PDB file of N, CA and C in Angstrom:
ATOM      1  N   MET A   1       0.836  -1.173   0.000  1.00  0.00           N
ATOM      2  CA  MET A   1       0.000   0.000   0.000  1.00  0.00           C
ATOM      3  C   MET A   1       0.882   1.239   0.000  1.00  0.00           C
ATOM      4  N   ARG A   2       0.617   2.124  -0.912  1.00  0.00           N
ATOM      5  CA  ARG A   2       1.385   3.363  -1.006  1.00  0.00           C
ATOM      6  C   ARG A   2       0.834   4.398  -0.054  1.00  0.00           C
ATOM      7  N   ASN A   3       1.750   5.149   0.551  1.00  0.00           N
ATOM      8  CA  ASN A   3       1.340   6.204   1.474  1.00  0.00           C
ATOM      9  C   ASN A   3       1.756   7.578   0.995  1.00  0.00           C
ATOM     10  N   GLY A   4       2.269   7.651  -0.222  1.00  0.00           N
ATOM     11  CA  GLY A   4       2.680   8.938  -0.746  1.00  0.00           C
ATOM     12  C   GLY A   4       2.887   8.883  -2.239  1.00  0.00           C
ATOM     13  N   THR A   5       2.927  10.061  -2.842  1.00  0.00           N
ATOM     14  CA  THR A   5       3.149  10.141  -4.277  1.00  0.00           C
ATOM     15  C   THR A   5       3.773  11.494  -4.614  1.00  0.00           C
ATOM     16  N   LEU A   6       4.444  11.539  -5.725  1.00  0.00           N
ATOM     17  CA  LEU A   6       5.042  12.768  -6.229  1.00  0.00           C
ATOM     18  C   LEU A   6       4.653  12.885  -7.698  1.00  0.00           C
ATOM     19  N   ARG A   7       4.066  14.008  -8.069  1.00  0.00           N
ATOM     20  CA  ARG A   7       3.640  14.235  -9.450  1.00  0.00           C
ATOM     21  C   ARG A   7       4.051  15.621  -9.917  1.00  0.00           C
ATOM     22  N   LYS A   8       4.475  15.706 -11.169  1.00  0.00           N
ATOM     23  CA  LYS A   8       4.707  17.003 -11.787  1.00  0.00           C
ATOM     24  C   LYS A   8       3.339  17.639 -12.019  1.00  0.00           C
ATOM     25  N   VAL A   9       3.266  18.937 -11.818  1.00  0.00           N
ATOM     26  CA  VAL A   9       1.993  19.647 -11.970  1.00  0.00           C
ATOM     27  C   VAL A   9       1.428  19.435 -13.370  1.00  0.00           C
ATOM     28  N   VAL A  10       2.274  19.441 -14.385  1.00  0.00           N
ATOM     29  CA  VAL A  10       1.783  19.277 -15.755  1.00  0.00           C
ATOM     30  C   VAL A  10       1.186  17.895 -16.003  1.00  0.00           C
ATOM     31  N   GLU A  11       1.463  16.931 -15.105  1.00  0.00           N
ATOM     32  CA  GLU A  11       0.917  15.575 -15.244  1.00  0.00           C
ATOM     33  C   GLU A  11      -0.441  15.415 -14.554  1.00  0.00           C
ATOM     34  N   LEU A  12      -0.839  16.405 -13.756  1.00  0.00           N
ATOM     35  CA  LEU A  12      -2.097  16.315 -13.032  1.00  0.00           C
ATOM     36  C   LEU A  12      -3.283  16.565 -13.958  1.00  0.00           C
ATOM     37  N   SER A  13      -4.378  15.863 -13.686  1.00  0.00           N
ATOM     38  CA  SER A  13      -5.616  16.157 -14.410  1.00  0.00           C
ATOM     39  C   SER A  13      -6.098  17.536 -13.960  1.00  0.00           C
ATOM     40  N   PRO A  14      -6.921  18.181 -14.762  1.00  0.00           N
ATOM     41  CA  PRO A  14      -7.425  19.498 -14.357  1.00  0.00           C
ATOM     42  C   PRO A  14      -8.124  19.459 -12.992  1.00  0.00           C
ATOM     43  N   ASP A  15      -8.900  18.410 -12.722  1.00  0.00           N
ATOM     44  CA  ASP A  15      -9.585  18.305 -11.431  1.00  0.00           C
ATOM     45  C   ASP A  15      -8.581  18.154 -10.283  1.00  0.00           C
ATOM     46  N   ALA A  16      -7.560  17.328 -10.473  1.00  0.00           N
ATOM     47  CA  ALA A  16      -6.550  17.127  -9.427  1.00  0.00           C
ATOM     48  C   ALA A  16      -5.776  18.418  -9.193  1.00  0.00           C
ATOM     49  N   ARG A  17      -5.473  19.120 -10.262  1.00  0.00           N
ATOM     50  CA  ARG A  17      -4.742  20.387 -10.118  1.00  0.00           C
ATOM     51  C   ARG A  17      -5.567  21.394  -9.322  1.00  0.00           C
ATOM     52  N   ARG A  18      -6.860  21.519  -9.649  1.00  0.00           N
ATOM     53  CA  ARG A  18      -7.726  22.442  -8.912  1.00  0.00           C
ATOM     54  C   ARG A  18      -7.820  22.036  -7.436  1.00  0.00           C
ATOM     55  N   ALA A  19      -7.891  20.741  -7.176  1.00  0.00           N
ATOM     56  CA  ALA A  19      -7.972  20.268  -5.790  1.00  0.00           C
ATOM     57  C   ALA A  19      -6.699  20.626  -5.033  1.00  0.00           C
ATOM     58  N   MET A  20      -5.537  20.423  -5.651  1.00  0.00           N
ATOM     59  CA  MET A  20      -4.273  20.760  -4.992  1.00  0.00           C
ATOM     60  C   MET A  20      -4.161  22.256  -4.772  1.00  0.00           C
ATOM     61  N   GLU A  21      -4.599  23.041  -5.735  1.00  0.00           N
ATOM     62  CA  GLU A  21      -4.555  24.496  -5.583  1.00  0.00           C
ATOM     63  C   GLU A  21      -5.487  24.946  -4.458  1.00  0.00           C
ATOM     64  N   ALA A  22      -6.645  24.291  -4.328  1.00  0.00           N
ATOM     65  CA  ALA A  22      -7.575  24.638  -3.253  1.00  0.00           C
ATOM     66  C   ALA A  22      -6.965  24.298  -1.897  1.00  0.00           C
ATOM     67  N   ILE A  23      -6.301  23.155  -1.796  1.00  0.00           N
ATOM     68  CA  ILE A  23      -5.668  22.758  -0.532  1.00  0.00           C
ATOM     69  C   ILE A  23      -4.543  23.714  -0.185  1.00  0.00           C
ATOM     70  N   LEU A  24      -3.716  24.071  -1.164  1.00  0.00           N
ATOM     71  CA  LEU A  24      -2.562  24.939  -0.918  1.00  0.00           C
ATOM     72  C   LEU A  24      -2.948  26.412  -0.787  1.00  0.00           C
ATOM     73  N   GLY A  25      -4.066  26.775  -1.372  1.00  0.00           N
ATOM     74  CA  GLY A  25      -4.494  28.164  -1.309  1.00  0.00           C
ATOM     75  C   GLY A  25      -3.767  29.060  -2.286  1.00  0.00           C
ATOM     76  N   ARG A  26      -3.220  28.474  -3.329  1.00  0.00           N
ATOM     77  CA  ARG A  26      -2.549  29.273  -4.365  1.00  0.00           C
ATOM     78  C   ARG A  26      -2.515  28.487  -5.668  1.00  0.00           C
ATOM     79  N   SER A  27      -2.239  29.209  -6.764  1.00  0.00           N
ATOM     80  CA  SER A  27      -2.105  28.554  -8.062  1.00  0.00           C
ATOM     81  C   SER A  27      -0.786  27.798  -8.135  1.00  0.00           C
ATOM     82  N   LEU A  28      -0.789  26.718  -8.870  1.00  0.00           N
ATOM     83  CA  LEU A  28       0.435  25.951  -9.110  1.00  0.00           C
ATOM     84  C   LEU A  28       1.039  26.363 -10.437  1.00  0.00           C
ATOM     85  N   ARG A  29       2.364  26.327 -10.507  1.00  0.00           N
ATOM     86  CA  ARG A  29       3.070  26.625 -11.756  1.00  0.00           C
ATOM     87  C   ARG A  29       3.440  25.310 -12.442  1.00  0.00           C
ATOM     88  N   ASP A  30       3.459  25.324 -13.756  1.00  0.00           N
ATOM     89  CA  ASP A  30       3.737  24.113 -14.526  1.00  0.00           C
ATOM     90  C   ASP A  30       5.084  23.478 -14.184  1.00  0.00           C
ATOM     91  N   GLU A  31       6.061  24.294 -13.771  1.00  0.00           N
ATOM     92  CA  GLU A  31       7.396  23.752 -13.492  1.00  0.00           C
ATOM     93  C   GLU A  31       7.502  23.157 -12.080  1.00  0.00           C
ATOM     94  N   GLU A  32       6.418  23.189 -11.314  1.00  0.00           N
ATOM     95  CA  GLU A  32       6.433  22.658  -9.958  1.00  0.00           C
ATOM     96  C   GLU A  32       5.989  21.188  -9.934  1.00  0.00           C
ATOM     97  N   ALA A  33       6.196  20.581  -8.782  1.00  0.00           N
ATOM     98  CA  ALA A  33       5.726  19.224  -8.534  1.00  0.00           C
ATOM     99  C   ALA A  33       4.962  19.234  -7.212  1.00  0.00           C
ATOM    100  N   VAL A  34       4.084  18.271  -7.045  1.00  0.00           N
ATOM    101  CA  VAL A  34       3.276  18.151  -5.842  1.00  0.00           C
ATOM    102  C   VAL A  34       3.577  16.813  -5.200  1.00  0.00           C
ATOM    103  N   SER A  35       3.846  16.855  -3.912  1.00  0.00           N
ATOM    104  CA  SER A  35       4.077  15.648  -3.133  1.00  0.00           C
ATOM    105  C   SER A  35       2.948  15.515  -2.124  1.00  0.00           C
ATOM    106  N   VAL A  36       2.354  14.336  -2.060  1.00  0.00           N
ATOM    107  CA  VAL A  36       1.273  14.082  -1.116  1.00  0.00           C
ATOM    108  C   VAL A  36       1.649  12.866  -0.296  1.00  0.00           C
ATOM    109  N   SER A  37       1.548  12.995   1.018  1.00  0.00           N
ATOM    110  CA  SER A  37       1.832  11.888   1.926  1.00  0.00           C
ATOM    111  C   SER A  37       0.632  11.673   2.833  1.00  0.00           C
ATOM    112  N   VAL A  38       0.360  10.427   3.124  1.00  0.00           N
ATOM    113  CA  VAL A  38      -0.710  10.074   4.030  1.00  0.00           C
ATOM    114  C   VAL A  38      -0.082   9.382   5.227  1.00  0.00           C
ATOM    115  N   TYR A  39      -0.419   9.848   6.422  1.00  0.00           N
ATOM    116  CA  TYR A  39       0.146   9.260   7.633  1.00  0.00           C
ATOM    117  C   TYR A  39      -0.810   9.473   8.783  1.00  0.00           C
ATOM    118  N   LYS A  40      -0.613   8.694   9.811  1.00  0.00           N
ATOM    119  CA  LYS A  40      -1.406   8.843  11.022  1.00  0.00           C
ATOM    120  C   LYS A  40      -0.706   9.884  11.892  1.00  0.00           C
ATOM    121  N   PRO A  41      -1.400  10.964  12.243  1.00  0.00           N
ATOM    122  CA  PRO A  41      -0.761  11.999  13.064  1.00  0.00           C
ATOM    123  C   PRO A  41      -0.310  11.452  14.422  1.00  0.00           C
ATOM    124  N   ALA A  42       0.677  12.095  14.991  1.00  0.00           N
ATOM    125  CA  ALA A  42       1.175  11.713  16.310  1.00  0.00           C
ATOM    126  C   ALA A  42       0.061  11.872  17.335  1.00  0.00           C
ATOM    127  N   PRO A  43       0.079  11.021  18.351  1.00  0.00           N
ATOM    128  CA  PRO A  43      -0.947  11.137  19.391  1.00  0.00           C
ATOM    129  C   PRO A  43      -0.844  12.462  20.135  1.00  0.00           C
ATOM    130  N   THR A  44      -1.935  12.852  20.746  1.00  0.00           N
ATOM    131  CA  THR A  44      -1.973  14.087  21.525  1.00  0.00           C
ATOM    132  C   THR A  44      -2.557  13.790  22.909  1.00  0.00           C
ATOM    133  N   GLY A  45      -2.480  14.761  23.771  1.00  0.00           N
ATOM    134  CA  GLY A  45      -3.109  14.667  25.079  1.00  0.00           C
ATOM    135  C   GLY A  45      -2.568  13.530  25.930  1.00  0.00           C
ATOM    136  N   THR A  46      -3.486  12.815  26.569  1.00  0.00           N
ATOM    137  CA  THR A  46      -3.133  11.748  27.494  1.00  0.00           C
ATOM    138  C   THR A  46      -2.368  10.628  26.792  1.00  0.00           C
ATOM    139  N   ALA A  47      -2.781  10.266  25.584  1.00  0.00           N
ATOM    140  CA  ALA A  47      -2.092   9.199  24.845  1.00  0.00           C
ATOM    141  C   ALA A  47      -0.633   9.568  24.615  1.00  0.00           C
ATOM    142  N   ARG A  48      -0.385  10.820  24.277  1.00  0.00           N
ATOM    143  CA  ARG A  48       0.991  11.275  24.047  1.00  0.00           C
ATOM    144  C   ARG A  48       1.799  11.216  25.344  1.00  0.00           C
ATOM    145  N   GLU A  49       1.187  11.637  26.433  1.00  0.00           N
ATOM    146  CA  GLU A  49       1.874  11.600  27.727  1.00  0.00           C
ATOM    147  C   GLU A  49       2.223  10.174  28.128  1.00  0.00           C
ATOM    148  N   GLU A  50       1.307   9.236  27.890  1.00  0.00           N
ATOM    149  CA  GLU A  50       1.560   7.829  28.221  1.00  0.00           C
ATOM    150  C   GLU A  50       2.697   7.254  27.377  1.00  0.00           C
ATOM    151  N   ILE A  51       2.705   7.584  26.111  1.00  0.00           N
ATOM    152  CA  ILE A  51       3.771   7.112  25.221  1.00  0.00           C
ATOM    153  C   ILE A  51       5.111   7.693  25.647  1.00  0.00           C
ATOM    154  N   ALA A  52       5.122   8.981  25.994  1.00  0.00           N
ATOM    155  CA  ALA A  52       6.362   9.622  26.441  1.00  0.00           C
ATOM    156  C   ALA A  52       6.871   8.973  27.723  1.00  0.00           C
ATOM    157  N   LEU A  53       5.972   8.640  28.632  1.00  0.00           N
ATOM    158  CA  LEU A  53       6.365   7.973  29.876  1.00  0.00           C
ATOM    159  C   LEU A  53       6.977   6.605  29.588  1.00  0.00           C
ATOM    160  N   ARG A  54       6.338   5.829  28.704  1.00  0.00           N
ATOM    161  CA  ARG A  54       6.881   4.506  28.348  1.00  0.00           C
ATOM    162  C   ARG A  54       8.252   4.646  27.692  1.00  0.00           C
ATOM    163  N   LEU A  55       8.422   5.656  26.855  1.00  0.00           N
ATOM    164  CA  LEU A  55       9.714   5.872  26.207  1.00  0.00           C
ATOM    165  C   LEU A  55      10.784   6.214  27.233  1.00  0.00           C
ATOM    166  N   ARG A  56      10.467   7.115  28.167  1.00  0.00           N
ATOM    167  CA  ARG A  56      11.435   7.459  29.216  1.00  0.00           C
ATOM    168  C   ARG A  56      11.794   6.241  30.061  1.00  0.00           C
ATOM    169  N   GLU A  57      10.792   5.408  30.379  1.00  0.00           N
ATOM    170  CA  GLU A  57      11.058   4.190  31.148  1.00  0.00           C
ATOM    171  C   GLU A  57      11.999   3.267  30.380  1.00  0.00           C
ATOM    172  N   ARG A  58      11.785   3.142  29.075  1.00  0.00           N
ATOM    173  CA  ARG A  58      12.645   2.286  28.234  1.00  0.00           C
ATOM    174  C   ARG A  58      14.061   2.845  28.180  1.00  0.00           C
ATOM    175  N   ILE A  59      14.181   4.151  28.047  1.00  0.00           N
ATOM    176  CA  ILE A  59      15.503   4.788  28.010  1.00  0.00           C
ATOM    177  C   ILE A  59      16.227   4.563  29.326  1.00  0.00           C
ATOM    178  N   ASP A  60      15.496   4.724  30.436  1.00  0.00           N
ATOM    179  CA  ASP A  60      16.114   4.494  31.754  1.00  0.00           C
ATOM    180  C   ASP A  60      16.562   3.050  31.912  1.00  0.00           C
ATOM    181  N   LYS A  61      15.748   2.104  31.445  1.00  0.00           N
ATOM    182  CA  LYS A  61      16.107   0.684  31.527  1.00  0.00           C
ATOM    183  C   LYS A  61      17.380   0.409  30.728  1.00  0.00           C
ATOM    184  N   THR A  62      17.453   0.977  29.540  1.00  0.00           N
ATOM    185  CA  THR A  62      18.647   0.803  28.709  1.00  0.00           C
ATOM    186  C   THR A  62      19.859   1.447  29.380  1.00  0.00           C
ATOM    187  N   ALA A  63      19.679   2.620  29.964  1.00  0.00           N
ATOM    188  CA  ALA A  63      20.791   3.309  30.636  1.00  0.00           C
ATOM    189  C   ALA A  63      21.307   2.495  31.817  1.00  0.00           C
ATOM    190  N   ARG A  64      20.399   1.837  32.538  1.00  0.00           N
ATOM    191  CA  ARG A  64      20.836   1.019  33.677  1.00  0.00           C
ATOM    192  C   ARG A  64      21.735  -0.129  33.228  1.00  0.00           C
ATOM    193  N   LYS A  65      21.459  -0.667  32.047  1.00  0.00           N
ATOM    194  CA  LYS A  65      22.295  -1.760  31.529  1.00  0.00           C
ATOM    195  C   LYS A  65      23.725  -1.295  31.279  1.00  0.00           C
ATOM    196  N   GLY A  66      23.917  -0.009  31.039  1.00  0.00           N
ATOM    197  CA  GLY A  66      25.240   0.530  30.756  1.00  0.00           C
ATOM    198  C   GLY A  66      25.990   1.006  31.979  1.00  0.00           C
ATOM    199  N   GLN A  67      25.350   0.927  33.136  1.00  0.00           N
ATOM    200  CA  GLN A  67      26.020   1.380  34.355  1.00  0.00           C
ATOM    201  C   GLN A  67      27.214   0.480  34.657  1.00  0.00           C
ATOM    202  N   GLY A  68      28.267   1.102  35.130  1.00  0.00           N
ATOM    203  CA  GLY A  68      29.457   0.342  35.487  1.00  0.00           C
ATOM    204  C   GLY A  68      30.484   0.258  34.371  1.00  0.00           C
ATOM    205  N   PHE A  69      30.085   0.605  33.155  1.00  0.00           N
ATOM    206  CA  PHE A  69      31.034   0.610  32.041  1.00  0.00           C
ATOM    207  C   PHE A  69      31.677   1.985  31.960  1.00  0.00           C
ATOM    208  N   PRO A  70      32.955   2.027  31.683  1.00  0.00           N
ATOM    209  CA  PRO A  70      33.603   3.339  31.526  1.00  0.00           C
ATOM    210  C   PRO A  70      32.959   4.105  30.363  1.00  0.00           C
ATOM    211  N   GLU A  71      32.792   5.401  30.570  1.00  0.00           N
ATOM    212  CA  GLU A  71      32.154   6.236  29.551  1.00  0.00           C
ATOM    213  C   GLU A  71      32.898   6.165  28.216  1.00  0.00           C
ATOM    214  N   MET A  72      34.227   6.057  28.278  1.00  0.00           N
ATOM    215  CA  MET A  72      35.004   5.971  27.034  1.00  0.00           C
ATOM    216  C   MET A  72      34.649   4.711  26.251  1.00  0.00           C
ATOM    217  N   GLU A  73      34.381   3.589  26.936  1.00  0.00           N
ATOM    218  CA  GLU A  73      34.003   2.354  26.252  1.00  0.00           C
ATOM    219  C   GLU A  73      32.627   2.494  25.602  1.00  0.00           C
ATOM    220  N   ILE A  74      31.718   3.140  26.307  1.00  0.00           N
ATOM    221  CA  ILE A  74      30.377   3.361  25.751  1.00  0.00           C
ATOM    222  C   ILE A  74      30.470   4.252  24.521  1.00  0.00           C
ATOM    223  N   ASP A  75      31.230   5.342  24.623  1.00  0.00           N
ATOM    224  CA  ASP A  75      31.395   6.246  23.477  1.00  0.00           C
ATOM    225  C   ASP A  75      32.031   5.524  22.297  1.00  0.00           C
ATOM    226  N   ALA A  76      33.023   4.683  22.564  1.00  0.00           N
ATOM    227  CA  ALA A  76      33.697   3.930  21.498  1.00  0.00           C
ATOM    228  C   ALA A  76      32.714   2.968  20.826  1.00  0.00           C
ATOM    229  N   ALA A  77      31.869   2.307  21.617  1.00  0.00           N
ATOM    230  CA  ALA A  77      30.890   1.380  21.046  1.00  0.00           C
ATOM    231  C   ALA A  77      29.875   2.124  20.175  1.00  0.00           C
ATOM    232  N   ILE A  78      29.434   3.291  20.642  1.00  0.00           N
ATOM    233  CA  ILE A  78      28.500   4.104  19.849  1.00  0.00           C
ATOM    234  C   ILE A  78      29.157   4.554  18.553  1.00  0.00           C
ATOM    235  N   ASP A  79      30.402   5.019  18.632  1.00  0.00           N
ATOM    236  CA  ASP A  79      31.124   5.455  17.430  1.00  0.00           C
ATOM    237  C   ASP A  79      31.284   4.301  16.447  1.00  0.00           C
ATOM    238  N   GLU A  80      31.617   3.123  16.962  1.00  0.00           N
ATOM    239  CA  GLU A  80      31.799   1.949  16.106  1.00  0.00           C
ATOM    240  C   GLU A  80      30.478   1.585  15.415  1.00  0.00           C
ATOM    241  N   ALA A  81      29.374   1.614  16.154  1.00  0.00           N
ATOM    242  CA  ALA A  81      28.072   1.291  15.572  1.00  0.00           C
ATOM    243  C   ALA A  81      27.674   2.319  14.513  1.00  0.00           C
ATOM    244  N   ALA A  82      27.884   3.592  14.810  1.00  0.00           N
ATOM    245  CA  ALA A  82      27.542   4.643  13.846  1.00  0.00           C
ATOM    246  C   ALA A  82      28.376   4.517  12.583  1.00  0.00           C
ATOM    247  N   ASP A  83      29.657   4.226  12.743  1.00  0.00           N
ATOM    248  CA  ASP A  83      30.541   4.047  11.588  1.00  0.00           C
ATOM    249  C   ASP A  83      30.087   2.861  10.750  1.00  0.00           C
ATOM    250  N   HIS A  84      29.703   1.772  11.414  1.00  0.00           N
ATOM    251  CA  HIS A  84      29.239   0.586  10.679  1.00  0.00           C
ATOM    252  C   HIS A  84      27.991   0.900   9.864  1.00  0.00           C
ATOM    253  N   VAL A  85      27.046   1.616  10.482  1.00  0.00           N
ATOM    254  CA  VAL A  85      25.799   1.946   9.781  1.00  0.00           C
ATOM    255  C   VAL A  85      26.079   2.845   8.591  1.00  0.00           C
ATOM    256  N   ARG A  86      26.986   3.800   8.746  1.00  0.00           N
ATOM    257  CA  ARG A  86      27.299   4.712   7.641  1.00  0.00           C
ATOM    258  C   ARG A  86      27.910   3.969   6.452  1.00  0.00           C
ATOM    259  N   HIS A  87      28.697   2.945   6.714  1.00  0.00           N
ATOM    260  CA  HIS A  87      29.405   2.263   5.642  1.00  0.00           C
ATOM    261  C   HIS A  87      28.735   0.967   5.196  1.00  0.00           C
ATOM    262  N   HIS A  88      27.665   0.564   5.851  1.00  0.00           N
ATOM    263  CA  HIS A  88      26.925  -0.638   5.488  1.00  0.00           C
ATOM    264  C   HIS A  88      25.437  -0.323   5.577  1.00  0.00           C
ATOM    265  N   PRO A  89      24.892   0.435   4.621  1.00  0.00           N
ATOM    266  CA  PRO A  89      23.508   0.901   4.715  1.00  0.00           C
ATOM    267  C   PRO A  89      22.460  -0.219   4.696  1.00  0.00           C
ATOM    268  N   GLU A  90      22.801  -1.360   4.196  1.00  0.00           N
ATOM    269  CA  GLU A  90      21.798  -2.450   4.150  1.00  0.00           C
ATOM    270  C   GLU A  90      22.054  -3.463   5.203  1.00  0.00           C
TER     271      GLU A  90
END
């Protein structure tokens, strides 16, 4: 299932172009492109607070696992992991 698309304005049907112009509140130029993404917005209110609390609890749990290790070793492990990801994207 696709959640986004990118189209050149000149490729849009007249109805689609008018709809995009109505959403944007301005005319589109032929040399422009339109990108549309569909996503579920981030939670708000109580749900957001609960998620933030769970995230903080998870971060604290992970931090406790690192207690007792010299900070230089932790930094070296993070640097090594970041370097690996940069040079091995897949």
